[in-house]
Amino acid sequence: MTEVLGYLRRSLTAKILVAFAAVVLIGIGGVAILANASTTAEFESFLSAGQPAFNQRLANLAGTTYQETGSWNAVSQALAALGRLDRRRVLVVNPAGVIVVDTAGTLVGRPATSLPLEGGIPVQVKGEIVGTLYPVPLALPGRNLPDRERPSPFFGVPRPFGGSPDVILSRAESAFLARVDQSLLIAAVVATVLALLVGGFLARRIIHPLRRLTEGARRIAEGHFDERIPVTGEDEVGQLAHAFNQMAESLQRTELARRQLVADVAHELRTPLTVIGGTVQAMRDGILAVDDQNLAAIDEEVVALTRLVSDLRDLSLGDVGQLPLQRGPVDLKRLIETVAASFATQASARGLSLSVEGTASLPILNGDEARLRQCIANLLTNALRHTPAGGQITIRARAQTDLVEIQVVDTGEGIAPEHLPRVFERFYRADPSRARRSGGTGLGLAIVQQIVRAHDGEIFATSKGLGHGATFTIRLPVAVSAKPASVLTRVSS
């Protein structure tokens, strides 16, 4: 018994079948009881409606028999032979008040005054009343009859749901109702069995995909992120399988990104650490002199490592929604012009033209000025890196009804269409063979995306193809609500 209860607690199939069986039994049982009660009531109502005519028929038979035979004993036999008297009796009382007919054979010759008789029907012979006929129950009220005269509680025929005690039924009538009860019982049992079979089939149809989902979840927990569940329908279970597959794909992409991130970080750290280690070892071996030039090379690699660690920290904070923002009024016009001025020397040294357009009517934003400055600086750094000498870099800005749009446009190498969707991924370079010094760490654009999203904005890149330059567009809402310094807004790369 304990094992059965444990199985019921563990098995969803068993729970569904038990619930289904309970509903079926309650439903079919209720229908059977109502059908039995309704059938019995209608049948007894039918009999009750025909009872007066039947009683009159008894009186007519008694009068005819008495006229032909002149014997009340013959009348008793004729009445008993008529049927439907197995659970009732008929009394005939003569004008003197003496019982002359009793189909039960026990009260003949006794006075009728001690009996609660009513509703009598006159028995006439040639227009003369020779007696009064009384249909009465087999056991008369107020009399102590012998046990042999007492009817069976069920009148010899089982009646599962009973009937009205005010209607006296014959054995044949009771047997008819018993057969109706038996038919209802058989129908209920057959319907229950069929319903349980159908319920078991449906339960298996429901549980089977859930079991596959359970097995798929177990495999994903073991690290098999390529696990997928076949989607066999569009119902709720099918939608669950589809959502499961989407989750698995997301986990797989996340795992691949994590592995790629570890590999990229290791690669980015290896170069400066190798340079630092090699330079220090060469100094210790006396190959290189300990002078300002060699120390400056080490310091340059340390700065690169520091910048890389700082960038990774910003990205990790953005991933968990905790990128710190120090919000306040930001004068975009001054910010853009200041950043452009700081890059003017670099642009000139590379033979590039750097210009600013459309900053005259920019509104004041509520944002983190340092972070927004970092965004524009990273975009300019990217443009300088990928624009050859003689090219043009333009910072354009314009205010719209509910947002500010800032664009960094260059006439450089451009971006191939297949690379556009991935330019904001970490450590991503369109040319994998590009050296770190020319291609950067691959984190600048990812950081820009994190900062823009933390300001409830969006950023995207467009390009007409290789050799046609690229445009990076930032859109920031004008009415940015004030938030605490440590922003908890969810951002993702």
Protein backbone atom coordinates (compact mmCIF):
# COMPACT_ATOMS: atom_id res chain seq x y z
CA MET A 1 0.00 0.00 0.00
CA THR A 2 2.86 2.36 0.83
CA GLU A 3 4.46 1.65 -2.54
CA VAL A 4 1.18 2.38 -4.33
CA LEU A 5 0.78 5.69 -2.50
CA GLY A 6 4.37 6.58 -3.29
CA TYR A 7 3.80 5.82 -6.98
CA LEU A 8 0.69 8.00 -6.98
CA ARG A 9 2.68 10.87 -5.45
CA ARG A 10 5.51 10.52 -7.98
CA SER A 11 3.64 9.68 -11.17
CA LEU A 12 1.82 12.44 -13.01
CA THR A 13 0.12 9.77 -15.16
CA ALA A 14 -1.34 8.13 -12.06
CA LYS A 15 -2.53 11.49 -10.75
CA ILE A 16 -4.25 12.29 -14.05
CA LEU A 17 -5.90 8.85 -14.16
CA VAL A 18 -7.09 9.11 -10.55
CA ALA A 19 -8.49 12.59 -11.16
CA PHE A 20 -10.08 11.46 -14.41
CA ALA A 21 -11.58 8.37 -12.71
CA ALA A 22 -12.98 10.49 -9.88
CA VAL A 23 -14.61 12.90 -12.31
CA VAL A 24 -16.00 10.04 -14.41
CA LEU A 25 -17.36 8.14 -11.42
CA ILE A 26 -18.98 11.24 -9.95
CA GLY A 27 -20.45 12.24 -13.29
CA ILE A 28 -21.71 8.81 -14.35
CA GLY A 29 -22.86 7.95 -10.83
CA GLY A 30 -24.81 11.19 -10.61
CA VAL A 31 -26.40 10.59 -14.01
CA ALA A 32 -27.31 7.01 -13.05
CA ILE A 33 -28.93 8.09 -9.78
CA LEU A 34 -30.88 10.88 -11.45
CA ALA A 35 -31.94 8.59 -14.30
CA ASN A 36 -33.12 5.92 -11.84
CA ALA A 37 -35.02 8.41 -9.70
CA SER A 38 -36.62 9.99 -12.75
CA THR A 39 -37.57 6.62 -14.26
CA THR A 40 -39.06 5.36 -11.00
CA ALA A 41 -40.99 8.57 -10.41
CA GLU A 42 -42.38 8.64 -13.96
CA PHE A 43 -43.30 4.95 -13.84
CA GLU A 44 -45.07 5.29 -10.48
CA SER A 45 -46.81 8.43 -11.74
CA PHE A 46 -48.04 6.46 -14.72
CA LEU A 47 -49.33 3.68 -12.48
CA SER A 48 -50.96 6.18 -10.13
CA ALA A 49 -52.75 7.84 -13.02
CA GLY A 50 -54.24 4.48 -14.12
CA GLN A 51 -55.11 3.24 -10.62
CA PRO A 52 -58.69 4.60 -10.43
CA ALA A 53 -59.60 2.88 -13.69
CA PHE A 54 -58.07 -0.37 -12.47
CA ASN A 55 -59.99 -0.17 -9.19
CA GLN A 56 -63.23 0.37 -11.07
CA ARG A 57 -62.38 -2.67 -13.18
CA LEU A 58 -62.03 -4.69 -9.97
CA ALA A 59 -65.45 -3.51 -8.77
CA ASN A 60 -67.05 -4.40 -12.11
CA LEU A 61 -65.42 -7.86 -12.06
CA ALA A 62 -66.63 -8.43 -8.48
CA GLY A 63 -70.22 -7.44 -9.42
CA THR A 64 -70.28 -9.60 -12.55
CA THR A 65 -68.83 -12.64 -10.79
CA TYR A 66 -71.22 -12.31 -7.84
CA GLN A 67 -74.18 -11.97 -10.21
CA GLU A 68 -73.15 -15.13 -12.08
CA THR A 69 -72.20 -17.28 -9.09
CA GLY A 70 -73.84 -15.72 -6.09
CA SER A 71 -70.67 -16.62 -4.16
CA TRP A 72 -68.27 -14.18 -2.55
CA ASN A 73 -65.65 -16.93 -2.51
CA ALA A 74 -65.79 -17.03 -6.31
CA VAL A 75 -65.45 -13.27 -6.33
CA SER A 76 -62.27 -13.56 -4.22
CA GLN A 77 -60.80 -16.12 -6.61
CA ALA A 78 -61.64 -14.00 -9.65
CA LEU A 79 -60.07 -10.93 -8.16
CA ALA A 80 -56.92 -12.82 -7.19
CA ALA A 81 -56.66 -14.28 -10.70
CA LEU A 82 -56.71 -10.78 -12.22
CA GLY A 83 -53.09 -10.15 -11.15
CA ARG A 84 -51.31 -7.10 -9.79
CA LEU A 85 -52.51 -8.16 -6.32
CA ASP A 86 -49.28 -9.82 -5.11
CA ARG A 87 -48.51 -6.81 -2.94
CA ARG A 88 -51.98 -5.53 -2.21
CA ARG A 89 -55.27 -6.98 -1.10
CA VAL A 90 -58.86 -6.31 -1.99
CA LEU A 91 -61.59 -6.26 0.59
CA VAL A 92 -65.31 -6.34 -0.10
CA VAL A 93 -67.64 -5.28 2.71
CA ASN A 94 -71.35 -6.14 2.49
CA PRO A 95 -74.04 -3.63 3.44
CA ALA A 96 -74.08 -5.09 6.96
CA GLY A 97 -70.44 -3.99 7.49
CA VAL A 98 -69.00 -7.50 7.42
CA ILE A 99 -65.98 -8.37 5.32
CA VAL A 100 -67.08 -10.96 2.78
CA VAL A 101 -64.02 -10.91 0.47
CA ASP A 102 -60.34 -10.72 1.41
CA THR A 103 -57.89 -11.76 -1.26
CA ALA A 104 -55.35 -12.33 1.53
CA GLY A 105 -57.81 -14.80 3.11
CA THR A 106 -57.52 -13.67 6.75
CA LEU A 107 -60.31 -11.16 7.47
CA VAL A 108 -63.43 -12.81 5.98
CA GLY A 109 -66.34 -12.68 8.38
CA ARG A 110 -64.89 -9.95 10.54
CA PRO A 111 -66.51 -6.54 10.99
CA ALA A 112 -64.92 -3.72 8.97
CA THR A 113 -65.58 -1.02 11.54
CA SER A 114 -62.20 -1.52 13.23
CA LEU A 115 -60.29 -0.95 9.98
CA PRO A 116 -59.30 2.48 8.53
CA LEU A 117 -61.04 1.86 5.22
CA GLU A 118 -61.78 4.71 2.85
CA GLY A 119 -62.19 5.36 -0.84
CA GLY A 120 -64.54 2.43 -1.35
CA ILE A 121 -66.06 1.60 -4.78
CA PRO A 122 -69.63 0.28 -4.91
CA VAL A 123 -70.15 -3.28 -6.22
CA GLN A 124 -73.49 -3.36 -8.08
CA VAL A 125 -75.61 -6.16 -9.36
CA LYS A 126 -78.51 -5.10 -11.57
CA GLY A 127 -78.33 -1.57 -10.14
CA GLU A 128 -78.35 -2.75 -6.54
CA ILE A 129 -75.31 -2.19 -4.29
CA VAL A 130 -74.36 -5.55 -2.85
CA GLY A 131 -71.05 -4.44 -1.31
CA THR A 132 -68.22 -1.95 -1.26
CA LEU A 133 -64.76 -2.80 -2.66
CA TYR A 134 -61.64 -1.42 -0.91
CA PRO A 135 -58.11 -1.82 -2.46
CA VAL A 136 -55.79 -1.75 0.55
CA PRO A 137 -52.09 -2.49 1.32
CA LEU A 138 -51.16 -6.07 2.06
CA ALA A 139 -50.29 -5.12 5.66
CA LEU A 140 -53.13 -3.06 7.03
CA PRO A 141 -52.16 -0.21 9.42
CA GLY A 142 -53.04 -0.75 13.03
CA ARG A 143 -53.15 -4.54 12.84
CA ASN A 144 -50.63 -7.04 14.10
CA LEU A 145 -50.46 -9.50 11.25
CA PRO A 146 -48.56 -12.78 11.48
CA ASP A 147 -45.04 -12.76 10.05
CA ARG A 148 -46.14 -14.83 7.10
CA GLU A 149 -48.44 -11.97 6.06
CA ARG A 150 -45.73 -9.31 6.24
CA PRO A 151 -44.24 -8.32 2.87
CA SER A 152 -40.50 -8.46 2.27
CA PRO A 153 -38.75 -5.09 2.69
CA PHE A 154 -37.89 -5.26 -1.01
CA PHE A 155 -41.06 -7.16 -1.95
CA GLY A 156 -38.96 -10.09 -3.12
CA VAL A 157 -37.25 -7.97 -5.85
CA PRO A 158 -34.12 -5.86 -5.19
CA ARG A 159 -34.53 -2.16 -5.96
CA PRO A 160 -31.08 -0.45 -5.73
CA PHE A 161 -32.39 3.09 -5.56
CA GLY A 162 -35.82 2.42 -4.01
CA GLY A 163 -39.05 4.20 -4.88
CA SER A 164 -41.98 6.03 -3.41
CA PRO A 165 -43.56 4.15 -0.47
CA ASP A 166 -46.99 5.60 -1.33
CA VAL A 167 -47.28 3.62 -4.56
CA ILE A 168 -47.89 -0.14 -4.29
CA LEU A 169 -46.20 -2.05 -7.13
CA SER A 170 -46.69 -5.60 -8.21
CA ARG A 171 -43.80 -8.01 -8.43
CA ALA A 172 -43.73 -7.68 -12.19
CA GLU A 173 -43.65 -3.90 -11.93
CA SER A 174 -40.91 -4.00 -9.32
CA ALA A 175 -38.98 -6.46 -11.48
CA PHE A 176 -39.27 -4.03 -14.40
CA LEU A 177 -37.77 -1.23 -12.33
CA ALA A 178 -35.06 -3.59 -11.09
CA ARG A 179 -34.14 -4.40 -14.68
CA VAL A 180 -33.96 -0.67 -15.42
CA ASP A 181 -31.66 -0.24 -12.40
CA GLN A 182 -29.50 -3.13 -13.57
CA SER A 183 -29.27 -1.69 -17.09
CA LEU A 184 -28.22 1.67 -15.68
CA LEU A 185 -25.60 0.00 -13.50
CA ILE A 186 -24.17 -1.97 -16.44
CA ALA A 187 -24.15 1.15 -18.61
CA ALA A 188 -22.36 3.09 -15.86
CA VAL A 189 -19.71 0.37 -15.48
CA VAL A 190 -19.14 0.14 -19.25
CA ALA A 191 -18.99 3.93 -19.60
CA THR A 192 -16.53 4.14 -16.70
CA VAL A 193 -14.25 1.51 -18.22
CA LEU A 194 -14.35 3.18 -21.64
CA ALA A 195 -13.74 6.59 -20.06
CA LEU A 196 -10.73 5.26 -18.14
CA LEU A 197 -9.31 3.71 -21.30
CA VAL A 198 -9.73 6.99 -23.16
CA GLY A 199 -8.31 8.85 -20.17
CA GLY A 200 -5.30 6.56 -20.07
CA PHE A 201 -4.68 7.14 -23.78
CA LEU A 202 -4.97 10.91 -23.38
CA ALA A 203 -2.75 10.83 -20.28
CA ARG A 204 -0.05 9.01 -22.25
CA ARG A 205 -0.37 11.55 -25.07
CA ILE A 206 0.09 14.37 -22.56
CA ILE A 207 2.79 12.76 -20.43
CA HIS A 208 4.97 11.45 -23.27
CA PRO A 209 6.15 14.89 -24.48
CA LEU A 210 6.56 15.99 -20.85
CA ARG A 211 8.83 13.02 -20.26
CA ARG A 212 10.84 13.98 -23.32
CA LEU A 213 11.10 17.51 -21.93
CA THR A 214 12.29 16.11 -18.60
CA GLU A 215 14.92 13.99 -20.33
CA GLY A 216 15.98 16.97 -22.46
CA ALA A 217 16.31 19.17 -19.37
CA ARG A 218 18.39 16.48 -17.69
CA ARG A 219 20.73 16.28 -20.70
CA ILE A 220 21.11 20.07 -20.78
CA ALA A 221 21.92 20.00 -17.07
CA GLU A 222 24.68 17.51 -17.95
CA GLY A 223 26.12 19.96 -20.47
CA HIS A 224 24.56 18.71 -23.73
CA PHE A 225 23.38 22.09 -24.98
CA ASP A 226 22.64 20.74 -28.45
CA GLU A 227 19.63 18.84 -27.10
CA ARG A 228 16.34 19.66 -28.88
CA ILE A 229 12.75 18.43 -28.42
CA PRO A 230 10.57 17.62 -31.47
CA VAL A 231 7.60 19.99 -31.68
CA THR A 232 4.58 17.88 -32.68
CA GLY A 233 1.72 20.35 -32.26
CA GLU A 234 0.65 23.90 -31.59
CA ASP A 235 -1.13 23.27 -28.28
CA GLU A 236 0.22 24.21 -24.86
CA VAL A 237 2.58 21.22 -24.78
CA GLY A 238 3.86 22.11 -28.26
CA GLN A 239 4.39 25.70 -27.16
CA LEU A 240 6.28 24.42 -24.11
CA ALA A 241 8.52 22.28 -26.35
CA HIS A 242 9.13 25.29 -28.61
CA ALA A 243 10.04 27.45 -25.60
CA PHE A 244 12.33 24.68 -24.35
CA ASN A 245 14.15 24.61 -27.69
CA GLN A 246 14.53 28.38 -27.62
CA MET A 247 15.97 28.14 -24.12
CA ALA A 248 18.37 25.41 -25.25
CA GLU A 249 19.52 27.51 -28.20
CA SER A 250 20.05 30.49 -25.92
CA LEU A 251 22.04 28.38 -23.47
CA GLN A 252 24.09 26.97 -26.31
CA ARG A 253 24.86 30.45 -27.63
CA THR A 254 25.72 31.62 -24.13
CA GLU A 255 28.03 28.67 -23.58
CA LEU A 256 29.76 29.24 -26.92
CA ALA A 257 30.09 32.94 -26.11
CA ARG A 258 31.54 32.10 -22.69
CA ARG A 259 34.10 29.76 -24.20
CA GLN A 260 34.95 32.30 -26.88
CA LEU A 261 35.25 35.03 -24.23
CA VAL A 262 37.67 32.93 -22.19
CA ALA A 263 39.72 32.20 -25.29
CA ASP A 264 39.69 35.86 -26.38
CA VAL A 265 40.63 37.14 -22.93
CA ALA A 266 43.45 34.62 -22.76
CA HIS A 267 44.63 35.72 -26.19
CA GLU A 268 44.45 39.42 -25.33
CA LEU A 269 46.32 38.89 -22.06
CA ARG A 270 49.00 36.71 -23.59
CA THR A 271 50.51 39.39 -25.85
CA PRO A 272 51.17 42.13 -23.25
CA LEU A 273 52.25 39.59 -20.64
CA THR A 274 54.65 38.04 -23.13
CA VAL A 275 56.08 41.46 -24.00
CA ILE A 276 56.44 42.40 -20.33
CA GLY A 277 57.94 39.05 -19.37
CA GLY A 278 60.32 39.01 -22.33
CA THR A 279 61.50 42.57 -21.74
CA VAL A 280 62.09 41.99 -18.02
CA GLN A 281 63.95 38.73 -18.72
CA ALA A 282 66.09 40.46 -21.35
CA MET A 283 66.92 43.21 -18.85
CA ARG A 284 67.89 40.63 -16.23
CA ASP A 285 70.09 38.81 -18.74
CA GLY A 286 71.74 42.07 -19.76
CA ILE A 287 70.46 41.86 -23.32
CA LEU A 288 68.43 45.05 -22.89
CA ALA A 289 69.46 48.03 -20.87
CA VAL A 290 67.31 49.18 -17.98
CA ASP A 291 66.57 52.57 -19.51
CA ASP A 292 63.59 54.82 -20.07
CA GLN A 293 62.90 53.45 -23.54
CA ASN A 294 62.57 49.81 -22.42
CA LEU A 295 60.68 50.77 -19.27
CA ALA A 296 58.31 52.84 -21.43
CA ALA A 297 57.58 49.71 -23.53
CA ILE A 298 56.69 47.82 -20.34
CA ASP A 299 54.58 50.72 -19.11
CA GLU A 300 52.71 50.78 -22.44
CA GLU A 301 51.78 47.11 -22.08
CA VAL A 302 50.72 47.66 -18.46
CA VAL A 303 48.42 50.47 -19.62
CA ALA A 304 46.97 48.15 -22.26
CA LEU A 305 46.35 45.47 -19.64
CA THR A 306 44.74 47.99 -17.31
CA ARG A 307 42.46 49.22 -20.08
CA LEU A 308 41.50 45.66 -20.98
CA VAL A 309 40.66 44.77 -17.38
CA SER A 310 38.66 47.99 -16.99
CA ASP A 311 36.72 47.27 -20.18
CA LEU A 312 35.95 43.71 -19.08
CA ARG A 313 34.77 45.02 -15.71
CA ASP A 314 32.39 47.48 -17.39
CA LEU A 315 31.00 44.76 -19.62
CA SER A 316 30.50 42.36 -16.72
CA LEU A 317 28.70 45.06 -14.73
CA GLY A 318 26.49 45.75 -17.73
CA ASP A 319 25.63 42.06 -18.04
CA VAL A 320 24.26 41.95 -14.49
CA GLY A 321 22.50 45.31 -14.81
CA GLN A 322 24.82 47.20 -12.48
CA LEU A 323 26.74 49.45 -14.84
CA PRO A 324 27.32 52.57 -12.68
CA LEU A 325 25.86 55.79 -14.09
CA GLN A 326 26.32 59.18 -12.46
CA ARG A 327 23.35 61.00 -13.94
CA GLY A 328 23.06 64.71 -14.28
CA PRO A 329 22.42 67.44 -16.88
CA VAL A 330 24.51 66.83 -20.01
CA ASP A 331 25.18 69.57 -22.56
CA LEU A 332 25.49 67.45 -25.70
CA LYS A 333 26.75 70.33 -27.84
CA ARG A 334 29.68 71.00 -25.52
CA LEU A 335 30.33 67.29 -24.98
CA ILE A 336 30.53 66.46 -28.71
CA GLU A 337 32.67 69.46 -29.54
CA THR A 338 35.04 68.71 -26.63
CA VAL A 339 35.51 65.08 -27.69
CA ALA A 340 36.03 66.11 -31.32
CA ALA A 341 38.66 68.67 -30.27
CA SER A 342 40.54 66.03 -28.27
CA PHE A 343 40.76 63.79 -31.37
CA ALA A 344 41.66 66.57 -33.80
CA THR A 345 45.41 66.08 -33.34
CA GLN A 346 45.21 62.31 -33.92
CA ALA A 347 43.05 62.80 -37.01
CA SER A 348 45.45 65.37 -38.41
CA ALA A 349 48.44 63.11 -37.75
CA ARG A 350 46.75 60.33 -39.74
CA GLY A 351 45.88 62.68 -42.58
CA LEU A 352 42.15 62.64 -41.83
CA SER A 353 39.56 65.40 -41.78
CA LEU A 354 37.37 65.53 -38.64
CA SER A 355 34.26 67.77 -38.57
CA VAL A 356 31.16 68.33 -36.43
CA GLU A 357 27.69 69.13 -37.80
CA GLY A 358 24.26 69.99 -36.33
CA THR A 359 25.10 70.58 -32.67
CA ALA A 360 23.60 74.07 -32.44
CA SER A 361 20.09 73.06 -31.27
CA LEU A 362 20.79 70.00 -29.12
CA PRO A 363 18.82 69.77 -25.82
CA ILE A 364 20.16 69.10 -22.34
CA LEU A 365 19.95 65.41 -21.44
CA ASN A 366 19.78 63.71 -18.08
CA GLY A 367 22.62 61.18 -18.29
CA ASP A 368 26.15 60.22 -17.32
CA GLU A 369 28.41 62.71 -19.07
CA ALA A 370 31.58 60.64 -18.62
CA ARG A 371 29.93 57.50 -20.04
CA LEU A 372 28.45 59.37 -23.01
CA ARG A 373 31.85 60.93 -23.66
CA GLN A 374 33.32 57.41 -23.59
CA CYS A 375 30.75 56.30 -26.20
CA ILE A 376 31.66 59.01 -28.69
CA ALA A 377 35.38 58.58 -28.01
CA ASN A 378 35.17 54.83 -28.70
CA LEU A 379 33.29 55.43 -31.95
CA LEU A 380 35.87 58.01 -33.04
CA THR A 381 38.70 55.65 -32.13
CA ASN A 382 37.06 52.95 -34.23
CA ALA A 383 36.61 55.38 -37.15
CA LEU A 384 40.23 56.56 -36.96
CA ARG A 385 41.45 52.96 -36.93
CA HIS A 386 39.51 51.97 -40.07
CA THR A 387 39.76 55.12 -42.18
CA PRO A 388 42.82 55.48 -44.40
CA ALA A 389 44.71 58.76 -44.93
CA GLY A 390 42.76 61.33 -46.91
CA GLY A 391 39.43 60.14 -45.52
CA GLN A 392 36.70 62.09 -43.79
CA ILE A 393 35.14 61.54 -40.31
CA THR A 394 32.01 63.47 -39.42
CA ILE A 395 30.08 63.73 -36.16
CA ARG A 396 26.47 64.62 -36.90
CA ALA A 397 23.79 65.38 -34.35
CA ARG A 398 20.16 66.34 -34.59
CA ALA A 399 17.28 66.74 -32.19
CA GLN A 400 13.91 65.13 -32.96
CA THR A 401 10.60 65.31 -31.11
CA ASP A 402 11.39 62.76 -28.41
CA LEU A 403 14.99 61.72 -29.06
CA VAL A 404 18.48 62.89 -29.97
CA GLU A 405 20.38 61.18 -32.76
CA ILE A 406 24.20 61.20 -32.86
CA GLN A 407 26.06 59.72 -35.82
CA VAL A 408 29.75 59.04 -36.40
CA VAL A 409 30.25 58.73 -40.17
CA ASP A 410 33.52 57.73 -41.84
CA THR A 411 34.65 57.14 -45.41
CA GLY A 412 36.88 54.22 -44.48
CA GLU A 413 36.99 50.50 -45.13
CA GLY A 414 33.29 49.89 -44.63
CA ILE A 415 31.68 46.74 -43.24
CA ALA A 416 30.60 43.70 -45.22
CA PRO A 417 26.88 42.83 -44.85
CA GLU A 418 27.64 39.49 -43.15
CA HIS A 419 29.65 41.27 -40.45
CA LEU A 420 27.16 44.05 -39.62
CA PRO A 421 25.05 42.00 -37.13
CA ARG A 422 28.18 41.10 -35.12
CA VAL A 423 30.11 44.36 -34.91
CA PHE A 424 28.96 44.93 -31.30
CA GLU A 425 30.04 41.47 -30.09
CA ARG A 426 32.98 41.28 -27.70
CA PHE A 427 36.40 40.65 -29.23
CA TYR A 428 34.81 40.48 -32.67
CA ARG A 429 36.92 41.62 -35.61
CA ALA A 430 35.81 41.48 -39.21
CA ASP A 431 39.39 40.49 -40.08
CA PRO A 432 40.47 37.81 -37.56
CA SER A 433 44.10 38.11 -38.67
CA ARG A 434 44.28 41.82 -37.75
CA ALA A 435 46.86 42.50 -35.08
CA ARG A 436 45.83 43.80 -31.67
CA ARG A 437 47.61 47.09 -32.18
CA SER A 438 45.70 47.84 -35.41
CA GLY A 439 42.43 46.16 -34.56
CA GLY A 440 42.09 47.02 -30.88
CA THR A 441 40.82 44.63 -28.23
CA GLY A 442 37.41 44.28 -29.82
CA LEU A 443 35.64 45.59 -26.70
CA GLY A 444 35.11 49.26 -27.57
CA LEU A 445 31.87 48.85 -29.55
CA ALA A 446 30.49 46.34 -27.03
CA ILE A 447 31.04 48.89 -24.26
CA VAL A 448 29.32 51.59 -26.33
CA GLN A 449 26.29 49.34 -26.72
CA GLN A 450 26.15 48.67 -22.96
CA ILE A 451 26.30 52.38 -22.11
CA VAL A 452 23.66 53.35 -24.68
CA ARG A 453 21.27 50.67 -23.46
CA ALA A 454 21.83 51.75 -19.87
CA HIS A 455 20.58 55.20 -21.02
CA ASP A 456 17.44 53.53 -22.51
CA GLY A 457 18.74 54.22 -26.00
CA GLU A 458 19.75 52.17 -29.01
CA ILE A 459 22.76 51.94 -31.32
CA PHE A 460 23.18 50.36 -34.73
CA ALA A 461 25.67 50.33 -37.59
CA THR A 462 25.06 50.71 -41.33
CA SER A 463 27.37 50.41 -44.30
CA LYS A 464 26.97 50.14 -48.06
CA GLY A 465 29.72 47.56 -48.16
CA LEU A 466 33.48 47.29 -48.24
CA GLY A 467 35.18 50.49 -49.34
CA HIS A 468 32.10 52.66 -48.75
CA GLY A 469 32.62 53.69 -45.14
CA ALA A 470 30.36 53.06 -42.16
CA THR A 471 27.87 54.99 -40.04
CA PHE A 472 27.29 54.33 -36.32
CA THR A 473 24.05 55.86 -35.03
CA ILE A 474 23.14 56.46 -31.36
CA ARG A 475 19.58 57.35 -30.43
CA LEU A 476 18.88 58.61 -26.92
CA PRO A 477 15.46 59.58 -25.54
CA VAL A 478 15.12 63.26 -24.68
CA ALA A 479 13.13 62.65 -21.49
CA VAL A 480 15.37 60.17 -19.67
CA SER A 481 14.05 59.67 -16.15
CA ALA A 482 16.46 60.25 -13.29
CA LYS A 483 17.89 57.07 -11.78
CA PRO A 484 20.24 56.33 -8.90
CA ALA A 485 23.96 56.21 -9.46
CA SER A 486 24.02 52.40 -9.56
CA VAL A 487 21.65 51.61 -12.38
CA LEU A 488 19.88 48.27 -12.19
CA THR A 489 18.44 48.44 -15.69
CA ARG A 490 19.00 45.14 -17.46
CA VAL A 491 21.40 45.44 -20.39
CA SER A 492 22.93 42.73 -22.49
CA SER A 493 25.29 42.47 -25.36
